[in-house]
């Protein structure tokens, strides 16, 4: 988020974020307050990525669906096996 803060603090200020970006960030805070551990990260654009354990994923998706259309949500499972030494 530092890059986005720097952009907003520049002269003239600018942002790549859109209202929906802020809405998703607020939603993540609401989910955390409701007891669902999750966090978000962003790249240089307006897209917000929510990180959540699989056991809590559906609750987060259900919350997203109260504010966003299904076609605005990309559900991705990333299963990591850990560090691997390749010889």
PDB file of N, CA and C in Angstrom:
ATOM      1  N   UNK A   1       0.812  -1.202   0.000  1.00  0.00           N
ATOM      2  CA  UNK A   1       0.000   0.000   0.000  1.00  0.00           C
ATOM      3  C   UNK A   1       0.854   1.265   0.000  1.00  0.00           C
ATOM      4  N   UNK A   2       2.148   1.120   0.266  1.00  0.00           N
ATOM      5  CA  UNK A   2       3.014   2.305   0.275  1.00  0.00           C
ATOM      6  C   UNK A   2       3.024   3.011  -1.073  1.00  0.00           C
ATOM      7  N   UNK A   3       3.076   2.233  -2.153  1.00  0.00           N
ATOM      8  CA  UNK A   3       3.078   2.853  -3.470  1.00  0.00           C
ATOM      9  C   UNK A   3       1.804   3.671  -3.681  1.00  0.00           C
ATOM     10  N   UNK A   4       0.664   3.117  -3.275  1.00  0.00           N
ATOM     11  CA  UNK A   4      -0.598   3.829  -3.447  1.00  0.00           C
ATOM     12  C   UNK A   4      -0.614   5.094  -2.588  1.00  0.00           C
ATOM     13  N   UNK A   5      -0.058   5.028  -1.381  1.00  0.00           N
ATOM     14  CA  UNK A   5       0.021   6.214  -0.524  1.00  0.00           C
ATOM     15  C   UNK A   5       0.939   7.263  -1.142  1.00  0.00           C
ATOM     16  N   UNK A   6       2.051   6.826  -1.714  1.00  0.00           N
ATOM     17  CA  UNK A   6       2.968   7.756  -2.377  1.00  0.00           C
ATOM     18  C   UNK A   6       2.269   8.445  -3.547  1.00  0.00           C
ATOM     19  N   UNK A   7       1.520   7.685  -4.324  1.00  0.00           N
ATOM     20  CA  UNK A   7       0.788   8.264  -5.455  1.00  0.00           C
ATOM     21  C   UNK A   7      -0.195   9.333  -4.990  1.00  0.00           C
ATOM     22  N   UNK A   8      -0.900   9.051  -3.904  1.00  0.00           N
ATOM     23  CA  UNK A   8      -1.876  10.015  -3.387  1.00  0.00           C
ATOM     24  C   UNK A   8      -1.204  11.252  -2.812  1.00  0.00           C
ATOM     25  N   UNK A   9       0.054  11.100  -2.344  1.00  0.00           N
ATOM     26  CA  UNK A   9       0.785  12.224  -1.769  1.00  0.00           C
ATOM     27  C   UNK A   9       1.591  13.017  -2.775  1.00  0.00           C
ATOM     28  N   UNK A  10       1.570  12.615  -4.025  1.00  0.00           N
ATOM     29  CA  UNK A  10       2.353  13.316  -5.046  1.00  0.00           C
ATOM     30  C   UNK A  10       1.609  14.566  -5.521  1.00  0.00           C
ATOM     31  N   UNK A  11       2.303  15.379  -6.299  1.00  0.00           N
ATOM     32  CA  UNK A  11       1.695  16.587  -6.851  1.00  0.00           C
ATOM     33  C   UNK A  11       1.739  16.510  -8.364  1.00  0.00           C
ATOM     34  N   UNK A  12       0.637  16.430  -9.031  1.00  0.00           N
ATOM     35  CA  UNK A  12      -0.714  16.278  -8.482  1.00  0.00           C
ATOM     36  C   UNK A  12      -0.944  14.837  -8.022  1.00  0.00           C
ATOM     37  N   UNK A  13      -1.830  14.645  -7.056  1.00  0.00           N
ATOM     38  CA  UNK A  13      -2.104  13.281  -6.582  1.00  0.00           C
ATOM     39  C   UNK A  13      -2.822  12.462  -7.653  1.00  0.00           C
ATOM     40  N   UNK A  14      -2.552  11.173  -7.660  1.00  0.00           N
ATOM     41  CA  UNK A  14      -3.246  10.268  -8.575  1.00  0.00           C
ATOM     42  C   UNK A  14      -3.360   8.906  -7.913  1.00  0.00           C
ATOM     43  N   UNK A  15      -4.235   8.085  -8.448  1.00  0.00           N
ATOM     44  CA  UNK A  15      -4.409   6.749  -7.902  1.00  0.00           C
ATOM     45  C   UNK A  15      -4.854   5.788  -8.996  1.00  0.00           C
ATOM     46  N   UNK A  16      -4.485   4.547  -8.818  1.00  0.00           N
ATOM     47  CA  UNK A  16      -4.962   3.477  -9.687  1.00  0.00           C
ATOM     48  C   UNK A  16      -6.167   2.783  -9.057  1.00  0.00           C
ATOM     49  N   UNK A  17      -6.444   3.107  -7.805  1.00  0.00           N
ATOM     50  CA  UNK A  17      -7.539   2.462  -7.092  1.00  0.00           C
ATOM     51  C   UNK A  17      -8.879   3.004  -7.565  1.00  0.00           C
ATOM     52  N   UNK A  18      -9.897   2.182  -7.436  1.00  0.00           N
ATOM     53  CA  UNK A  18     -11.270   2.580  -7.743  1.00  0.00           C
ATOM     54  C   UNK A  18     -12.092   2.376  -6.472  1.00  0.00           C
ATOM     55  N   UNK A  19     -13.315   2.865  -6.460  1.00  0.00           N
ATOM     56  CA  UNK A  19     -14.137   2.753  -5.254  1.00  0.00           C
ATOM     57  C   UNK A  19     -14.265   1.311  -4.785  1.00  0.00           C
ATOM     58  N   UNK A  20     -14.381   0.384  -5.724  1.00  0.00           N
ATOM     59  CA  UNK A  20     -14.501  -1.026  -5.353  1.00  0.00           C
ATOM     60  C   UNK A  20     -13.266  -1.526  -4.611  1.00  0.00           C
ATOM     61  N   UNK A  21     -12.101  -0.978  -4.908  1.00  0.00           N
ATOM     62  CA  UNK A  21     -10.877  -1.357  -4.186  1.00  0.00           C
ATOM     63  C   UNK A  21     -11.035  -1.033  -2.704  1.00  0.00           C
ATOM     64  N   UNK A  22     -11.495   0.183  -2.430  1.00  0.00           N
ATOM     65  CA  UNK A  22     -11.703   0.599  -1.039  1.00  0.00           C
ATOM     66  C   UNK A  22     -12.812  -0.222  -0.381  1.00  0.00           C
ATOM     67  N   UNK A  23     -13.858  -0.540  -1.145  1.00  0.00           N
ATOM     68  CA  UNK A  23     -14.962  -1.341  -0.609  1.00  0.00           C
ATOM     69  C   UNK A  23     -14.481  -2.730  -0.181  1.00  0.00           C
ATOM     70  N   UNK A  24     -13.621  -3.355  -0.990  1.00  0.00           N
ATOM     71  CA  UNK A  24     -13.099  -4.685  -0.642  1.00  0.00           C
ATOM     72  C   UNK A  24     -12.219  -4.593   0.596  1.00  0.00           C
ATOM     73  N   UNK A  25     -11.378  -3.563   0.678  1.00  0.00           N
ATOM     74  CA  UNK A  25     -10.528  -3.409   1.867  1.00  0.00           C
ATOM     75  C   UNK A  25     -11.381  -3.261   3.122  1.00  0.00           C
ATOM     76  N   UNK A  26     -12.455  -2.488   3.045  1.00  0.00           N
ATOM     77  CA  UNK A  26     -13.355  -2.325   4.192  1.00  0.00           C
ATOM     78  C   UNK A  26     -14.034  -3.646   4.532  1.00  0.00           C
ATOM     79  N   UNK A  27     -14.421  -4.396   3.519  1.00  0.00           N
ATOM     80  CA  UNK A  27     -15.060  -5.691   3.732  1.00  0.00           C
ATOM     81  C   UNK A  27     -14.119  -6.655   4.456  1.00  0.00           C
ATOM     82  N   UNK A  28     -12.848  -6.641   4.097  1.00  0.00           N
ATOM     83  CA  UNK A  28     -11.869  -7.502   4.774  1.00  0.00           C
ATOM     84  C   UNK A  28     -11.787  -7.128   6.250  1.00  0.00           C
ATOM     85  N   UNK A  29     -11.796  -5.843   6.552  1.00  0.00           N
ATOM     86  CA  UNK A  29     -11.772  -5.418   7.958  1.00  0.00           C
ATOM     87  C   UNK A  29     -13.023  -5.899   8.695  1.00  0.00           C
ATOM     88  N   UNK A  30     -14.172  -5.831   8.039  1.00  0.00           N
ATOM     89  CA  UNK A  30     -15.417  -6.328   8.642  1.00  0.00           C
ATOM     90  C   UNK A  30     -15.334  -7.829   8.914  1.00  0.00           C
ATOM     91  N   UNK A  31     -14.786  -8.572   7.975  1.00  0.00           N
ATOM     92  CA  UNK A  31     -14.650 -10.024   8.149  1.00  0.00           C
ATOM     93  C   UNK A  31     -13.733 -10.347   9.318  1.00  0.00           C
ATOM     94  N   UNK A  32     -12.652  -9.607   9.439  1.00  0.00           N
ATOM     95  CA  UNK A  32     -11.725  -9.826  10.558  1.00  0.00           C
ATOM     96  C   UNK A  32     -12.425  -9.542  11.889  1.00  0.00           C
ATOM     97  N   UNK A  33     -13.189  -8.450  11.939  1.00  0.00           N
ATOM     98  CA  UNK A  33     -13.919  -8.109  13.162  1.00  0.00           C
ATOM     99  C   UNK A  33     -14.967  -9.168  13.495  1.00  0.00           C
ATOM    100  N   UNK A  34     -15.489  -9.849  12.485  1.00  0.00           N
ATOM    101  CA  UNK A  34     -16.482 -10.910  12.691  1.00  0.00           C
ATOM    102  C   UNK A  34     -15.835 -12.238  13.071  1.00  0.00           C
ATOM    103  N   UNK A  35     -14.506 -12.270  13.120  1.00  0.00           N
ATOM    104  CA  UNK A  35     -13.812 -13.477  13.557  1.00  0.00           C
ATOM    105  C   UNK A  35     -13.270 -14.356  12.449  1.00  0.00           C
ATOM    106  N   UNK A  36     -13.290 -13.868  11.222  1.00  0.00           N
ATOM    107  CA  UNK A  36     -12.735 -14.643  10.103  1.00  0.00           C
ATOM    108  C   UNK A  36     -11.359 -14.093   9.752  1.00  0.00           C
ATOM    109  N   UNK A  37     -10.298 -14.818  10.120  1.00  0.00           N
ATOM    110  CA  UNK A  37      -8.951 -14.322   9.834  1.00  0.00           C
ATOM    111  C   UNK A  37      -8.717 -14.244   8.322  1.00  0.00           C
ATOM    112  N   UNK A  38      -8.417 -13.065   7.850  1.00  0.00           N
ATOM    113  CA  UNK A  38      -8.087 -12.860   6.447  1.00  0.00           C
ATOM    114  C   UNK A  38      -7.310 -11.558   6.334  1.00  0.00           C
ATOM    115  N   UNK A  39      -6.674 -11.369   5.217  1.00  0.00           N
ATOM    116  CA  UNK A  39      -5.956 -10.123   4.964  1.00  0.00           C
ATOM    117  C   UNK A  39      -5.992  -9.870   3.471  1.00  0.00           C
ATOM    118  N   UNK A  40      -5.538  -8.698   3.060  1.00  0.00           N
ATOM    119  CA  UNK A  40      -5.522  -8.399   1.634  1.00  0.00           C
ATOM    120  C   UNK A  40      -4.156  -7.892   1.224  1.00  0.00           C
ATOM    121  N   UNK A  41      -3.898  -8.002  -0.054  1.00  0.00           N
ATOM    122  CA  UNK A  41      -2.696  -7.446  -0.658  1.00  0.00           C
ATOM    123  C   UNK A  41      -3.107  -6.885  -2.013  1.00  0.00           C
ATOM    124  N   UNK A  42      -2.242  -6.076  -2.575  1.00  0.00           N
ATOM    125  CA  UNK A  42      -2.554  -5.450  -3.857  1.00  0.00           C
ATOM    126  C   UNK A  42      -1.309  -5.398  -4.718  1.00  0.00           C
ATOM    127  N   UNK A  43      -1.532  -5.298  -6.022  1.00  0.00           N
ATOM    128  CA  UNK A  43      -0.423  -5.032  -6.922  1.00  0.00           C
ATOM    129  C   UNK A  43      -0.506  -3.553  -7.304  1.00  0.00           C
ATOM    130  N   UNK A  44       0.050  -3.172  -8.412  1.00  0.00           N
ATOM    131  CA  UNK A  44       0.068  -1.761  -8.798  1.00  0.00           C
ATOM    132  C   UNK A  44      -1.286  -1.260  -9.285  1.00  0.00           C
ATOM    133  N   UNK A  45      -2.196  -2.149  -9.583  1.00  0.00           N
ATOM    134  CA  UNK A  45      -3.491  -1.743 -10.102  1.00  0.00           C
ATOM    135  C   UNK A  45      -4.569  -1.733  -9.043  1.00  0.00           C
ATOM    136  N   UNK A  46      -5.831  -1.739  -9.458  1.00  0.00           N
ATOM    137  CA  UNK A  46      -6.946  -1.630  -8.523  1.00  0.00           C
ATOM    138  C   UNK A  46      -7.397  -2.947  -7.908  1.00  0.00           C
ATOM    139  N   UNK A  47      -6.808  -4.065  -8.324  1.00  0.00           N
ATOM    140  CA  UNK A  47      -7.290  -5.374  -7.883  1.00  0.00           C
ATOM    141  C   UNK A  47      -6.804  -5.722  -6.483  1.00  0.00           C
ATOM    142  N   UNK A  48      -7.735  -6.142  -5.649  1.00  0.00           N
ATOM    143  CA  UNK A  48      -7.436  -6.535  -4.276  1.00  0.00           C
ATOM    144  C   UNK A  48      -7.443  -8.058  -4.211  1.00  0.00           C
ATOM    145  N   UNK A  49      -6.401  -8.616  -3.601  1.00  0.00           N
ATOM    146  CA  UNK A  49      -6.327 -10.064  -3.403  1.00  0.00           C
ATOM    147  C   UNK A  49      -6.556 -10.349  -1.932  1.00  0.00           C
ATOM    148  N   UNK A  50      -7.504 -11.220  -1.624  1.00  0.00           N
ATOM    149  CA  UNK A  50      -7.799 -11.581  -0.239  1.00  0.00           C
ATOM    150  C   UNK A  50      -7.154 -12.926   0.049  1.00  0.00           C
ATOM    151  N   UNK A  51      -6.403 -12.983   1.127  1.00  0.00           N
ATOM    152  CA  UNK A  51      -5.766 -14.216   1.564  1.00  0.00           C
ATOM    153  C   UNK A  51      -6.543 -14.750   2.761  1.00  0.00           C
ATOM    154  N   UNK A  52      -6.959 -16.009   2.666  1.00  0.00           N
ATOM    155  CA  UNK A  52      -7.784 -16.599   3.716  1.00  0.00           C
ATOM    156  C   UNK A  52      -7.546 -18.104   3.741  1.00  0.00           C
ATOM    157  N   UNK A  53      -7.655 -18.682   4.924  1.00  0.00           N
ATOM    158  CA  UNK A  53      -7.554 -20.136   5.025  1.00  0.00           C
ATOM    159  C   UNK A  53      -8.766 -20.778   4.349  1.00  0.00           C
ATOM    160  N   UNK A  54      -8.528 -21.946   3.793  1.00  0.00           N
ATOM    161  CA  UNK A  54      -9.584 -22.654   3.056  1.00  0.00           C
ATOM    162  C   UNK A  54     -10.843 -22.840   3.910  1.00  0.00           C
ATOM    163  N   UNK A  55     -10.678 -23.117   5.200  1.00  0.00           N
ATOM    164  CA  UNK A  55     -11.841 -23.369   6.061  1.00  0.00           C
ATOM    165  C   UNK A  55     -12.738 -22.136   6.217  1.00  0.00           C
ATOM    166  N   UNK A  56     -12.212 -20.936   5.951  1.00  0.00           N
ATOM    167  CA  UNK A  56     -12.995 -19.703   6.073  1.00  0.00           C
ATOM    168  C   UNK A  56     -13.332 -19.077   4.722  1.00  0.00           C
ATOM    169  N   UNK A  57     -12.909 -19.722   3.644  1.00  0.00           N
ATOM    170  CA  UNK A  57     -13.054 -19.135   2.311  1.00  0.00           C
ATOM    171  C   UNK A  57     -14.508 -18.859   1.944  1.00  0.00           C
ATOM    172  N   UNK A  58     -15.405 -19.797   2.186  1.00  0.00           N
ATOM    173  CA  UNK A  58     -16.790 -19.616   1.761  1.00  0.00           C
ATOM    174  C   UNK A  58     -17.457 -18.451   2.484  1.00  0.00           C
ATOM    175  N   UNK A  59     -17.138 -18.249   3.763  1.00  0.00           N
ATOM    176  CA  UNK A  59     -17.716 -17.120   4.494  1.00  0.00           C
ATOM    177  C   UNK A  59     -17.282 -15.791   3.872  1.00  0.00           C
ATOM    178  N   UNK A  60     -16.027 -15.726   3.441  1.00  0.00           N
ATOM    179  CA  UNK A  60     -15.524 -14.499   2.826  1.00  0.00           C
ATOM    180  C   UNK A  60     -16.196 -14.294   1.467  1.00  0.00           C
ATOM    181  N   UNK A  61     -16.313 -15.357   0.688  1.00  0.00           N
ATOM    182  CA  UNK A  61     -16.989 -15.256  -0.611  1.00  0.00           C
ATOM    183  C   UNK A  61     -18.443 -14.827  -0.426  1.00  0.00           C
ATOM    184  N   UNK A  62     -19.125 -15.404   0.559  1.00  0.00           N
ATOM    185  CA  UNK A  62     -20.517 -15.028   0.827  1.00  0.00           C
ATOM    186  C   UNK A  62     -20.620 -13.542   1.152  1.00  0.00           C
ATOM    187  N   UNK A  63     -19.690 -13.040   1.937  1.00  0.00           N
ATOM    188  CA  UNK A  63     -19.681 -11.612   2.282  1.00  0.00           C
ATOM    189  C   UNK A  63     -19.420 -10.765   1.035  1.00  0.00           C
ATOM    190  N   UNK A  64     -18.482 -11.191   0.199  1.00  0.00           N
ATOM    191  CA  UNK A  64     -18.210 -10.466  -1.049  1.00  0.00           C
ATOM    192  C   UNK A  64     -19.452 -10.404  -1.933  1.00  0.00           C
ATOM    193  N   UNK A  65     -20.202 -11.505  -1.973  1.00  0.00           N
ATOM    194  CA  UNK A  65     -21.386 -11.566  -2.834  1.00  0.00           C
ATOM    195  C   UNK A  65     -22.507 -10.645  -2.364  1.00  0.00           C
ATOM    196  N   UNK A  66     -22.428 -10.125  -1.138  1.00  0.00           N
ATOM    197  CA  UNK A  66     -23.423  -9.154  -0.685  1.00  0.00           C
ATOM    198  C   UNK A  66     -23.192  -7.787  -1.318  1.00  0.00           C
ATOM    199  N   UNK A  67     -21.978  -7.559  -1.839  1.00  0.00           N
ATOM    200  CA  UNK A  67     -21.655  -6.248  -2.409  1.00  0.00           C
ATOM    201  C   UNK A  67     -21.198  -6.296  -3.864  1.00  0.00           C
ATOM    202  N   UNK A  68     -20.837  -7.485  -4.339  1.00  0.00           N
ATOM    203  CA  UNK A  68     -20.271  -7.600  -5.681  1.00  0.00           C
ATOM    204  C   UNK A  68     -20.953  -8.721  -6.455  1.00  0.00           C
ATOM    205  N   UNK A  69     -20.943  -8.584  -7.771  1.00  0.00           N
ATOM    206  CA  UNK A  69     -21.470  -9.642  -8.634  1.00  0.00           C
ATOM    207  C   UNK A  69     -20.497 -10.810  -8.666  1.00  0.00           C
ATOM    208  N   UNK A  70     -21.031 -11.985  -8.916  1.00  0.00           N
ATOM    209  CA  UNK A  70     -20.215 -13.193  -8.977  1.00  0.00           C
ATOM    210  C   UNK A  70     -19.088 -13.070 -10.009  1.00  0.00           C
ATOM    211  N   UNK A  71     -19.352 -12.367 -11.118  1.00  0.00           N
ATOM    212  CA  UNK A  71     -18.326 -12.237 -12.156  1.00  0.00           C
ATOM    213  C   UNK A  71     -17.204 -11.271 -11.777  1.00  0.00           C
ATOM    214  N   UNK A  72     -17.324 -10.597 -10.641  1.00  0.00           N
ATOM    215  CA  UNK A  72     -16.260  -9.722 -10.155  1.00  0.00           C
ATOM    216  C   UNK A  72     -15.322 -10.446  -9.192  1.00  0.00           C
ATOM    217  N   UNK A  73     -15.652 -11.676  -8.846  1.00  0.00           N
ATOM    218  CA  UNK A  73     -14.883 -12.437  -7.864  1.00  0.00           C
ATOM    219  C   UNK A  73     -14.167 -13.581  -8.563  1.00  0.00           C
ATOM    220  N   UNK A  74     -12.871 -13.651  -8.381  1.00  0.00           N
ATOM    221  CA  UNK A  74     -12.085 -14.764  -8.915  1.00  0.00           C
ATOM    222  C   UNK A  74     -11.613 -15.587  -7.729  1.00  0.00           C
ATOM    223  N   UNK A  75     -12.063 -16.817  -7.672  1.00  0.00           N
ATOM    224  CA  UNK A  75     -11.721 -17.733  -6.583  1.00  0.00           C
ATOM    225  C   UNK A  75     -10.544 -18.587  -7.036  1.00  0.00           C
ATOM    226  N   UNK A  76      -9.445 -18.474  -6.333  1.00  0.00           N
ATOM    227  CA  UNK A  76      -8.240 -19.209  -6.726  1.00  0.00           C
ATOM    228  C   UNK A  76      -7.696 -19.976  -5.535  1.00  0.00           C
ATOM    229  N   UNK A  77      -7.470 -21.257  -5.727  1.00  0.00           N
ATOM    230  CA  UNK A  77      -6.826 -22.083  -4.702  1.00  0.00           C
ATOM    231  C   UNK A  77      -5.358 -22.220  -5.047  1.00  0.00           C
ATOM    232  N   UNK A  78      -4.520 -21.808  -4.140  1.00  0.00           N
ATOM    233  CA  UNK A  78      -3.084 -21.989  -4.323  1.00  0.00           C
ATOM    234  C   UNK A  78      -2.622 -22.943  -3.237  1.00  0.00           C
ATOM    235  N   UNK A  79      -2.202 -24.100  -3.640  1.00  0.00           N
ATOM    236  CA  UNK A  79      -1.738 -25.099  -2.681  1.00  0.00           C
ATOM    237  C   UNK A  79      -0.232 -25.195  -2.803  1.00  0.00           C
ATOM    238  N   UNK A  80       0.440 -24.835  -1.743  1.00  0.00           N
ATOM    239  CA  UNK A  80       1.902 -24.875  -1.747  1.00  0.00           C
ATOM    240  C   UNK A  80       2.384 -26.130  -1.029  1.00  0.00           C
ATOM    241  N   UNK A  81       3.441 -26.691  -1.532  1.00  0.00           N
ATOM    242  CA  UNK A  81       4.013 -27.884  -0.904  1.00  0.00           C
ATOM    243  C   UNK A  81       5.240 -27.534  -0.080  1.00  0.00           C
ATOM    244  N   UNK A  82       5.606 -26.276  -0.057  1.00  0.00           N
ATOM    245  CA  UNK A  82       6.784 -25.866   0.704  1.00  0.00           C
ATOM    246  C   UNK A  82       8.022 -25.828  -0.172  1.00  0.00           C
ATOM    247  N   UNK A  83       9.131 -25.585   0.465  1.00  0.00           N
ATOM    248  CA  UNK A  83      10.403 -25.488  -0.249  1.00  0.00           C
ATOM    249  C   UNK A  83      10.839 -26.867  -0.708  1.00  0.00           C
ATOM    250  N   UNK A  84      11.319 -26.922  -1.920  1.00  0.00           N
ATOM    251  CA  UNK A  84      11.755 -28.172  -2.505  1.00  0.00           C
ATOM    252  C   UNK A  84      13.150 -27.985  -3.094  1.00  0.00           C
ATOM    253  N   UNK A  85      14.060 -28.894  -2.800  1.00  0.00           N
ATOM    254  CA  UNK A  85      15.402 -28.846  -3.380  1.00  0.00           C
ATOM    255  C   UNK A  85      15.400 -29.679  -4.649  1.00  0.00           C
ATOM    256  N   UNK A  86      15.739 -29.039  -5.746  1.00  0.00           N
ATOM    257  CA  UNK A  86      15.798 -29.736  -7.035  1.00  0.00           C
ATOM    258  C   UNK A  86      17.260 -29.898  -7.405  1.00  0.00           C
ATOM    259  N   UNK A  87      17.670 -31.130  -7.620  1.00  0.00           N
ATOM    260  CA  UNK A  87      19.077 -31.386  -7.955  1.00  0.00           C
ATOM    261  C   UNK A  87      19.242 -31.822  -9.373  1.00  0.00           C
TER     262      UNK A  87
END
